Each structure stands twice: as C-alpha cells, then as structure tokens.
Amino acid sequence: MSAPFKMVSCVFPVPAEVSAKMTHPRTHVTFNFYDPVEILIRLLVFSPVAARDENLAFFPEAGEDLHDFCHGDRLRRIHASLPQGTAALTAVLFFDEINRDQKGFETGDGALIVGGFFRQRVRESTHAKGSIGTFPNVQFPKVR
C-alpha cells in the first residue's frame, strides 16, 4: 500500500479593489494541491503505460520533425544542462473542469499534469495524467 500524496498549500492575497467586487469578499485565497513531482513519479512507477519501454522518452532523439517532446532543441538544451546519466522528469500542465463529487453535481476548474516523458500516442490515456487539485471557488456577480 502506498502512502498518501503530499499536499502543498499556497495562500494568495486578494487586493482590496478585487475583494470589493466579489460576491463573498475575501482577503486571501488558499489553493491546496498535490505535489506535482510526486504525482509524476507515481505515474512513472505505477502507470500501466509506463511498463512498456516504447511508451517512454526521457532523452533527446534525432530528428527535426517535432513529432514529440523528445524531438527538437528544447529537450536537447535541458538534457545538456543535467549531470551525465540523469534525465529530466518533464511534464505538461493543463486546466479543465473536474468533478468535485462522485455524482458530478459539483464541478470546479482543476489542474491536471501529464507526464511529458510519455510518448504522444499514450499521453491521451488517463494512465498518463494525474489531477493535482481544483482551484478555490471564487464568485463574482454576473454582468448585466
């Protein structure tokens, strides 16, 4: 059995002029999320798509076709800056609506992380992604 994910918390002050326009004014907003590095490591260790070597791309590959994250100069520059024998644990963050409850009645904007070390053909799999958290619900009156 694995240990629970490490929770990280960030507190952001809300400027007075923004707070005054909120439906429920706040002085700060707290965003709690899971440690993205831990989620990437767990994807690498436990994901069924990580069990196949052909699904992984940790090192730069020859070719200028930019078909995948392992092509092109960006990963070559990253790799060149690392100690020999190491690899970058690359990732992509994206934002989407996430269900906050089991039935899907309460939704929120969430942050998802995708292992950039997975090849393009498997990055669409749910086994290549992890949710790091949902953003706090901040409400403003509707514009009329």
N, C-alpha and C. Protein backbone atom coordinates (compact mmCIF):
# COMPACT_ATOMS: atom_id res chain seq x y z
N MET A 1 0.85 -1.19 0.00
CA MET A 1 0.00 0.00 0.00
C MET A 1 0.89 1.25 0.00
N SER A 2 0.56 2.20 -0.85
CA SER A 2 1.37 3.41 -0.96
C SER A 2 0.89 4.48 0.02
N ALA A 3 1.81 5.34 0.39
CA ALA A 3 1.49 6.45 1.30
C ALA A 3 0.66 7.49 0.56
N PRO A 4 -0.13 8.28 1.29
CA PRO A 4 -0.93 9.32 0.62
C PRO A 4 -0.04 10.39 -0.01
N PHE A 5 -0.59 11.05 -1.01
CA PHE A 5 0.14 12.12 -1.68
C PHE A 5 0.40 13.27 -0.71
N LYS A 6 1.53 13.95 -0.91
CA LYS A 6 1.86 15.12 -0.11
C LYS A 6 1.04 16.31 -0.60
N MET A 7 0.38 16.98 0.31
CA MET A 7 -0.44 18.15 -0.02
C MET A 7 0.40 19.41 0.17
N VAL A 8 0.32 20.33 -0.79
CA VAL A 8 1.02 21.60 -0.76
C VAL A 8 -0.05 22.69 -0.69
N SER A 9 0.24 23.78 -0.03
CA SER A 9 -0.73 24.85 0.11
C SER A 9 -0.08 26.19 -0.23
N CYS A 10 -0.78 27.00 -1.01
CA CYS A 10 -0.33 28.35 -1.35
C CYS A 10 -1.44 29.33 -1.00
N VAL A 11 -1.08 30.41 -0.35
CA VAL A 11 -2.04 31.44 0.02
C VAL A 11 -1.74 32.69 -0.81
N PHE A 12 -2.78 33.18 -1.49
CA PHE A 12 -2.64 34.36 -2.34
C PHE A 12 -3.48 35.49 -1.78
N PRO A 13 -2.88 36.66 -1.51
CA PRO A 13 -3.66 37.80 -1.03
C PRO A 13 -4.56 38.34 -2.15
N VAL A 14 -5.75 38.75 -1.78
CA VAL A 14 -6.69 39.34 -2.75
C VAL A 14 -6.64 40.85 -2.56
N PRO A 15 -6.29 41.60 -3.60
CA PRO A 15 -6.27 43.07 -3.48
C PRO A 15 -7.65 43.59 -3.08
N ALA A 16 -7.66 44.65 -2.30
CA ALA A 16 -8.91 45.22 -1.77
C ALA A 16 -9.88 45.58 -2.89
N GLU A 17 -9.38 46.12 -4.02
CA GLU A 17 -10.26 46.51 -5.11
C GLU A 17 -10.90 45.28 -5.79
N VAL A 18 -10.25 44.14 -5.74
CA VAL A 18 -10.83 42.91 -6.30
C VAL A 18 -11.81 42.31 -5.29
N SER A 19 -11.42 42.28 -4.03
CA SER A 19 -12.28 41.74 -2.98
C SER A 19 -13.62 42.48 -2.91
N ALA A 20 -13.59 43.79 -3.14
CA ALA A 20 -14.82 44.60 -3.09
C ALA A 20 -15.81 44.19 -4.17
N LYS A 21 -15.35 43.58 -5.24
CA LYS A 21 -16.23 43.18 -6.34
C LYS A 21 -16.70 41.73 -6.24
N MET A 22 -16.22 40.99 -5.23
CA MET A 22 -16.61 39.59 -5.06
C MET A 22 -18.00 39.46 -4.45
N THR A 23 -18.68 38.37 -4.78
CA THR A 23 -19.98 38.08 -4.17
C THR A 23 -19.80 37.85 -2.67
N HIS A 24 -18.77 37.11 -2.31
CA HIS A 24 -18.39 36.87 -0.91
C HIS A 24 -16.95 37.35 -0.75
N PRO A 25 -16.76 38.62 -0.35
CA PRO A 25 -15.41 39.19 -0.28
C PRO A 25 -14.46 38.37 0.58
N ARG A 26 -13.21 38.28 0.12
CA ARG A 26 -12.15 37.56 0.85
C ARG A 26 -10.89 38.41 0.86
N THR A 27 -10.08 38.20 1.89
CA THR A 27 -8.80 38.89 1.97
C THR A 27 -7.69 38.05 1.35
N HIS A 28 -7.95 36.72 1.26
CA HIS A 28 -6.97 35.82 0.66
C HIS A 28 -7.68 34.59 0.09
N VAL A 29 -7.00 33.91 -0.81
CA VAL A 29 -7.49 32.66 -1.40
C VAL A 29 -6.41 31.61 -1.19
N THR A 30 -6.82 30.44 -0.72
CA THR A 30 -5.88 29.35 -0.48
C THR A 30 -6.09 28.26 -1.52
N PHE A 31 -5.00 27.87 -2.18
CA PHE A 31 -5.03 26.80 -3.17
C PHE A 31 -4.26 25.62 -2.60
N ASN A 32 -4.96 24.52 -2.35
CA ASN A 32 -4.35 23.29 -1.87
C ASN A 32 -4.23 22.33 -3.04
N PHE A 33 -3.06 21.76 -3.23
CA PHE A 33 -2.86 20.85 -4.35
C PHE A 33 -1.82 19.80 -3.98
N TYR A 34 -1.82 18.71 -4.75
CA TYR A 34 -0.85 17.65 -4.53
C TYR A 34 0.48 18.00 -5.17
N ASP A 35 1.56 17.55 -4.57
CA ASP A 35 2.91 17.80 -5.08
C ASP A 35 3.03 17.21 -6.49
N PRO A 36 3.21 18.06 -7.52
CA PRO A 36 3.27 17.56 -8.90
C PRO A 36 4.42 16.60 -9.15
N VAL A 37 5.56 16.78 -8.49
CA VAL A 37 6.69 15.87 -8.70
C VAL A 37 6.33 14.48 -8.20
N GLU A 38 5.66 14.41 -7.06
CA GLU A 38 5.25 13.12 -6.52
C GLU A 38 4.27 12.42 -7.46
N ILE A 39 3.36 13.18 -8.04
CA ILE A 39 2.40 12.57 -8.97
C ILE A 39 3.14 12.04 -10.21
N LEU A 40 4.10 12.80 -10.74
CA LEU A 40 4.87 12.33 -11.89
C LEU A 40 5.64 11.05 -11.57
N ILE A 41 6.23 11.00 -10.40
CA ILE A 41 6.97 9.79 -10.01
C ILE A 41 6.02 8.60 -9.90
N ARG A 42 4.86 8.82 -9.33
CA ARG A 42 3.89 7.72 -9.22
C ARG A 42 3.38 7.28 -10.59
N LEU A 43 3.20 8.23 -11.51
CA LEU A 43 2.82 7.85 -12.87
C LEU A 43 3.90 6.98 -13.50
N LEU A 44 5.14 7.36 -13.27
CA LEU A 44 6.26 6.62 -13.84
C LEU A 44 6.38 5.22 -13.23
N VAL A 45 6.13 5.10 -11.94
CA VAL A 45 6.31 3.83 -11.25
C VAL A 45 5.08 2.91 -11.37
N PHE A 46 3.87 3.48 -11.28
CA PHE A 46 2.67 2.65 -11.19
C PHE A 46 1.79 2.61 -12.43
N SER A 47 1.98 3.52 -13.36
CA SER A 47 1.09 3.56 -14.53
C SER A 47 1.35 2.37 -15.44
N PRO A 48 0.28 1.72 -15.91
CA PRO A 48 0.48 0.59 -16.83
C PRO A 48 1.14 1.00 -18.15
N VAL A 49 0.96 2.25 -18.59
CA VAL A 49 1.61 2.66 -19.84
C VAL A 49 3.11 2.86 -19.65
N ALA A 50 3.55 3.07 -18.40
CA ALA A 50 4.99 3.21 -18.12
C ALA A 50 5.70 1.86 -18.10
N ALA A 51 4.95 0.78 -18.09
CA ALA A 51 5.55 -0.56 -18.04
C ALA A 51 6.18 -0.95 -19.38
N ARG A 52 5.85 -0.23 -20.43
CA ARG A 52 6.38 -0.56 -21.77
C ARG A 52 7.40 0.49 -22.18
N ASP A 53 8.62 0.04 -22.43
CA ASP A 53 9.71 0.96 -22.79
C ASP A 53 9.39 1.82 -24.00
N GLU A 54 8.66 1.29 -24.97
CA GLU A 54 8.37 2.06 -26.19
C GLU A 54 7.42 3.23 -25.93
N ASN A 55 6.82 3.31 -24.75
CA ASN A 55 5.94 4.42 -24.40
C ASN A 55 6.68 5.58 -23.73
N LEU A 56 7.96 5.39 -23.42
CA LEU A 56 8.73 6.38 -22.67
C LEU A 56 9.78 7.06 -23.55
N ALA A 57 10.02 8.34 -23.26
CA ALA A 57 11.03 9.11 -23.99
C ALA A 57 11.67 10.11 -23.03
N PHE A 58 12.75 9.68 -22.38
CA PHE A 58 13.43 10.54 -21.41
C PHE A 58 14.55 11.37 -22.00
N PHE A 59 15.09 10.95 -23.13
CA PHE A 59 16.27 11.58 -23.69
C PHE A 59 15.98 12.15 -25.07
N PRO A 60 16.72 13.18 -25.47
CA PRO A 60 16.51 13.78 -26.81
C PRO A 60 16.77 12.75 -27.90
N GLU A 61 15.98 12.83 -28.94
CA GLU A 61 16.13 11.93 -30.08
C GLU A 61 16.42 12.75 -31.33
N ALA A 62 17.15 12.15 -32.24
CA ALA A 62 17.49 12.82 -33.50
C ALA A 62 16.23 13.06 -34.31
N GLY A 63 16.24 14.13 -35.04
CA GLY A 63 15.11 14.46 -35.90
C GLY A 63 14.58 15.84 -35.61
N GLU A 64 14.23 16.52 -36.66
CA GLU A 64 13.72 17.89 -36.53
C GLU A 64 12.22 17.94 -36.83
N ASP A 65 11.54 16.79 -36.86
CA ASP A 65 10.13 16.78 -37.24
C ASP A 65 9.21 17.26 -36.12
N LEU A 66 9.73 17.42 -34.91
CA LEU A 66 8.96 17.91 -33.75
C LEU A 66 7.67 17.11 -33.55
N HIS A 67 7.77 15.81 -33.79
CA HIS A 67 6.61 14.94 -33.62
C HIS A 67 6.28 14.69 -32.15
N ASP A 68 7.28 14.79 -31.29
CA ASP A 68 7.07 14.51 -29.88
C ASP A 68 7.96 15.43 -29.04
N PHE A 69 7.78 15.42 -27.72
CA PHE A 69 8.56 16.29 -26.84
C PHE A 69 10.04 15.96 -26.85
N CYS A 70 10.39 14.74 -27.24
CA CYS A 70 11.80 14.34 -27.24
C CYS A 70 12.54 14.81 -28.50
N HIS A 71 11.85 15.46 -29.43
CA HIS A 71 12.46 15.99 -30.65
C HIS A 71 12.68 17.49 -30.49
N GLY A 72 13.64 18.01 -31.21
CA GLY A 72 13.87 19.45 -31.20
C GLY A 72 14.91 19.87 -30.19
N ASP A 73 15.19 21.16 -30.19
CA ASP A 73 16.28 21.71 -29.38
C ASP A 73 15.95 21.85 -27.90
N ARG A 74 14.69 21.99 -27.56
CA ARG A 74 14.34 22.26 -26.16
C ARG A 74 14.83 21.15 -25.23
N LEU A 75 14.46 19.91 -25.50
CA LEU A 75 14.90 18.81 -24.63
C LEU A 75 16.41 18.61 -24.73
N ARG A 76 17.00 18.90 -25.88
CA ARG A 76 18.46 18.79 -26.01
C ARG A 76 19.15 19.78 -25.06
N ARG A 77 18.64 21.01 -24.99
CA ARG A 77 19.23 22.01 -24.08
C ARG A 77 19.04 21.60 -22.62
N ILE A 78 17.87 21.12 -22.28
CA ILE A 78 17.61 20.67 -20.90
C ILE A 78 18.56 19.53 -20.55
N HIS A 79 18.63 18.55 -21.43
CA HIS A 79 19.47 17.38 -21.19
C HIS A 79 20.94 17.76 -21.06
N ALA A 80 21.40 18.70 -21.87
CA ALA A 80 22.80 19.13 -21.84
C ALA A 80 23.15 19.81 -20.52
N SER A 81 22.17 20.40 -19.83
CA SER A 81 22.43 21.10 -18.57
C SER A 81 22.42 20.18 -17.35
N LEU A 82 22.04 18.92 -17.54
CA LEU A 82 21.95 17.98 -16.42
C LEU A 82 23.24 17.19 -16.24
N PRO A 83 23.47 16.69 -15.04
CA PRO A 83 24.62 15.80 -14.83
C PRO A 83 24.49 14.56 -15.71
N GLN A 84 25.60 14.03 -16.16
CA GLN A 84 25.60 12.86 -17.03
C GLN A 84 24.92 11.68 -16.33
N GLY A 85 24.10 10.97 -17.08
CA GLY A 85 23.39 9.81 -16.55
C GLY A 85 22.04 10.12 -15.93
N THR A 86 21.63 11.39 -15.93
CA THR A 86 20.32 11.77 -15.38
C THR A 86 19.38 12.17 -16.50
N ALA A 87 18.11 12.21 -16.18
CA ALA A 87 17.09 12.62 -17.16
C ALA A 87 16.11 13.56 -16.49
N ALA A 88 15.56 14.47 -17.27
CA ALA A 88 14.56 15.42 -16.76
C ALA A 88 13.21 14.71 -16.68
N LEU A 89 12.47 15.01 -15.64
CA LEU A 89 11.12 14.49 -15.47
C LEU A 89 10.17 15.57 -16.00
N THR A 90 10.00 15.61 -17.32
CA THR A 90 9.23 16.68 -17.95
C THR A 90 7.73 16.45 -17.77
N ALA A 91 6.98 17.54 -17.86
CA ALA A 91 5.54 17.46 -17.66
C ALA A 91 4.85 18.60 -18.38
N VAL A 92 3.55 18.44 -18.56
CA VAL A 92 2.70 19.48 -19.13
C VAL A 92 1.55 19.68 -18.17
N LEU A 93 1.27 20.93 -17.83
CA LEU A 93 0.10 21.25 -17.00
C LEU A 93 -1.02 21.72 -17.91
N PHE A 94 -2.24 21.31 -17.62
CA PHE A 94 -3.38 21.89 -18.32
C PHE A 94 -4.54 21.99 -17.36
N PHE A 95 -5.52 22.77 -17.75
CA PHE A 95 -6.63 23.08 -16.87
C PHE A 95 -7.94 22.63 -17.52
N ASP A 96 -8.81 22.07 -16.72
CA ASP A 96 -10.07 21.54 -17.23
C ASP A 96 -11.07 21.52 -16.09
N GLU A 97 -12.32 21.30 -16.43
CA GLU A 97 -13.35 21.17 -15.40
C GLU A 97 -13.27 19.78 -14.80
N ILE A 98 -13.31 19.71 -13.47
CA ILE A 98 -13.19 18.45 -12.74
C ILE A 98 -14.39 18.30 -11.82
N ASN A 99 -14.89 17.08 -11.69
CA ASN A 99 -15.97 16.81 -10.73
C ASN A 99 -15.41 16.84 -9.32
N ARG A 100 -16.08 17.60 -8.45
CA ARG A 100 -15.66 17.67 -7.05
C ARG A 100 -16.35 16.59 -6.21
N ASP A 101 -17.41 16.00 -6.75
CA ASP A 101 -18.11 14.93 -6.03
C ASP A 101 -18.30 13.73 -6.96
N GLN A 102 -18.71 12.61 -6.39
CA GLN A 102 -18.84 11.36 -7.14
C GLN A 102 -19.92 11.42 -8.22
N LYS A 103 -21.00 12.14 -7.97
CA LYS A 103 -22.13 12.18 -8.90
C LYS A 103 -21.97 13.22 -10.00
N GLY A 104 -21.02 14.14 -9.87
CA GLY A 104 -20.79 15.14 -10.89
C GLY A 104 -21.68 16.37 -10.77
N PHE A 105 -22.32 16.54 -9.61
CA PHE A 105 -23.18 17.71 -9.42
C PHE A 105 -22.38 18.97 -9.08
N GLU A 106 -21.23 18.80 -8.46
CA GLU A 106 -20.40 19.95 -8.11
C GLU A 106 -19.11 19.86 -8.90
N THR A 107 -18.88 20.84 -9.75
CA THR A 107 -17.68 20.84 -10.58
C THR A 107 -16.82 22.07 -10.24
N GLY A 108 -15.59 22.03 -10.68
CA GLY A 108 -14.69 23.15 -10.48
C GLY A 108 -13.57 23.09 -11.49
N ASP A 109 -12.87 24.19 -11.63
CA ASP A 109 -11.72 24.22 -12.53
C ASP A 109 -10.56 23.52 -11.83
N GLY A 110 -9.94 22.59 -12.53
CA GLY A 110 -8.87 21.82 -11.94
C GLY A 110 -7.60 21.89 -12.76
N ALA A 111 -6.50 21.57 -12.11
CA ALA A 111 -5.20 21.50 -12.77
C ALA A 111 -4.82 20.03 -12.91
N LEU A 112 -4.44 19.65 -14.11
CA LEU A 112 -4.01 18.28 -14.39
C LEU A 112 -2.57 18.30 -14.87
N ILE A 113 -1.86 17.23 -14.58
CA ILE A 113 -0.48 17.12 -15.01
C ILE A 113 -0.35 15.86 -15.87
N VAL A 114 0.40 15.99 -16.96
CA VAL A 114 0.63 14.88 -17.88
C VAL A 114 2.13 14.66 -17.94
N GLY A 115 2.54 13.40 -17.86
CA GLY A 115 3.96 13.08 -17.96
C GLY A 115 4.48 13.41 -19.35
N GLY A 116 5.38 14.38 -19.45
CA GLY A 116 5.99 14.74 -20.72
C GLY A 116 6.96 13.68 -21.22
N PHE A 117 7.31 12.77 -20.33
CA PHE A 117 8.22 11.67 -20.69
C PHE A 117 7.47 10.53 -21.37
N PHE A 118 6.15 10.61 -21.44
CA PHE A 118 5.36 9.64 -22.20
C PHE A 118 5.32 10.08 -23.66
N ARG A 119 5.34 9.15 -24.56
CA ARG A 119 5.23 9.46 -25.98
C ARG A 119 3.83 9.95 -26.29
N GLN A 120 3.72 10.69 -27.39
CA GLN A 120 2.47 11.32 -27.78
C GLN A 120 1.31 10.33 -27.84
N ARG A 121 1.53 9.16 -28.36
CA ARG A 121 0.43 8.20 -28.56
C ARG A 121 -0.18 7.71 -27.25
N VAL A 122 0.53 7.82 -26.13
CA VAL A 122 -0.05 7.37 -24.86
C VAL A 122 -0.40 8.52 -23.91
N ARG A 123 -0.04 9.76 -24.26
CA ARG A 123 -0.35 10.89 -23.38
C ARG A 123 -1.85 11.15 -23.26
N GLU A 124 -2.64 10.69 -24.22
CA GLU A 124 -4.09 10.87 -24.14
C GLU A 124 -4.72 9.91 -23.13
N SER A 125 -4.01 8.87 -22.75
CA SER A 125 -4.53 7.88 -21.81
C SER A 125 -4.70 8.50 -20.42
N THR A 126 -5.73 8.08 -19.71
CA THR A 126 -5.89 8.54 -18.33
C THR A 126 -4.75 8.03 -17.45
N HIS A 127 -4.03 7.00 -17.90
CA HIS A 127 -2.91 6.46 -17.15
C HIS A 127 -1.65 7.33 -17.27
N ALA A 128 -1.68 8.35 -18.11
CA ALA A 128 -0.55 9.26 -18.27
C ALA A 128 -0.79 10.60 -17.59
N LYS A 129 -1.95 10.73 -16.92
CA LYS A 129 -2.35 12.00 -16.32
C LYS A 129 -2.66 11.84 -14.84
N GLY A 130 -2.57 12.94 -14.14
CA GLY A 130 -2.98 12.98 -12.74
C GLY A 130 -3.53 14.34 -12.40
N SER A 131 -4.54 14.38 -11.54
CA SER A 131 -5.11 15.64 -11.08
C SER A 131 -4.31 16.13 -9.89
N ILE A 132 -3.87 17.38 -9.94
CA ILE A 132 -3.15 17.91 -8.78
C ILE A 132 -4.07 18.68 -7.84
N GLY A 133 -5.27 19.06 -8.31
CA GLY A 133 -6.22 19.72 -7.43
C GLY A 133 -7.19 20.60 -8.18
N THR A 134 -8.17 21.11 -7.46
CA THR A 134 -9.13 22.04 -8.04
C THR A 134 -8.91 23.42 -7.43
N PHE A 135 -9.16 24.43 -8.24
CA PHE A 135 -8.96 25.79 -7.79
C PHE A 135 -10.10 26.21 -6.84
N PRO A 136 -9.80 27.07 -5.88
CA PRO A 136 -10.85 27.54 -4.96
C PRO A 136 -11.96 28.23 -5.74
N ASN A 137 -13.17 28.06 -5.26
CA ASN A 137 -14.33 28.64 -5.91
C ASN A 137 -14.46 30.11 -5.46
N VAL A 138 -14.18 31.03 -6.36
CA VAL A 138 -14.28 32.45 -6.10
C VAL A 138 -15.38 32.99 -7.00
N GLN A 139 -16.36 33.67 -6.42
CA GLN A 139 -17.52 34.10 -7.20
C GLN A 139 -17.61 35.62 -7.30
N PHE A 140 -18.02 36.04 -8.50
CA PHE A 140 -18.26 37.45 -8.78
C PHE A 140 -19.68 37.58 -9.30
N PRO A 141 -20.33 38.72 -9.08
CA PRO A 141 -21.70 38.88 -9.61
C PRO A 141 -21.70 38.82 -11.13
N LYS A 142 -22.79 38.34 -11.70
CA LYS A 142 -22.91 38.28 -13.16
C LYS A 142 -23.09 39.68 -13.72
N VAL A 143 -22.46 39.91 -14.84
CA VAL A 143 -22.56 41.22 -15.52
C VAL A 143 -23.91 41.28 -16.21
N ARG A 144 -24.60 42.40 -16.05
CA ARG A 144 -25.93 42.55 -16.68
C ARG A 144 -25.89 43.65 -17.71
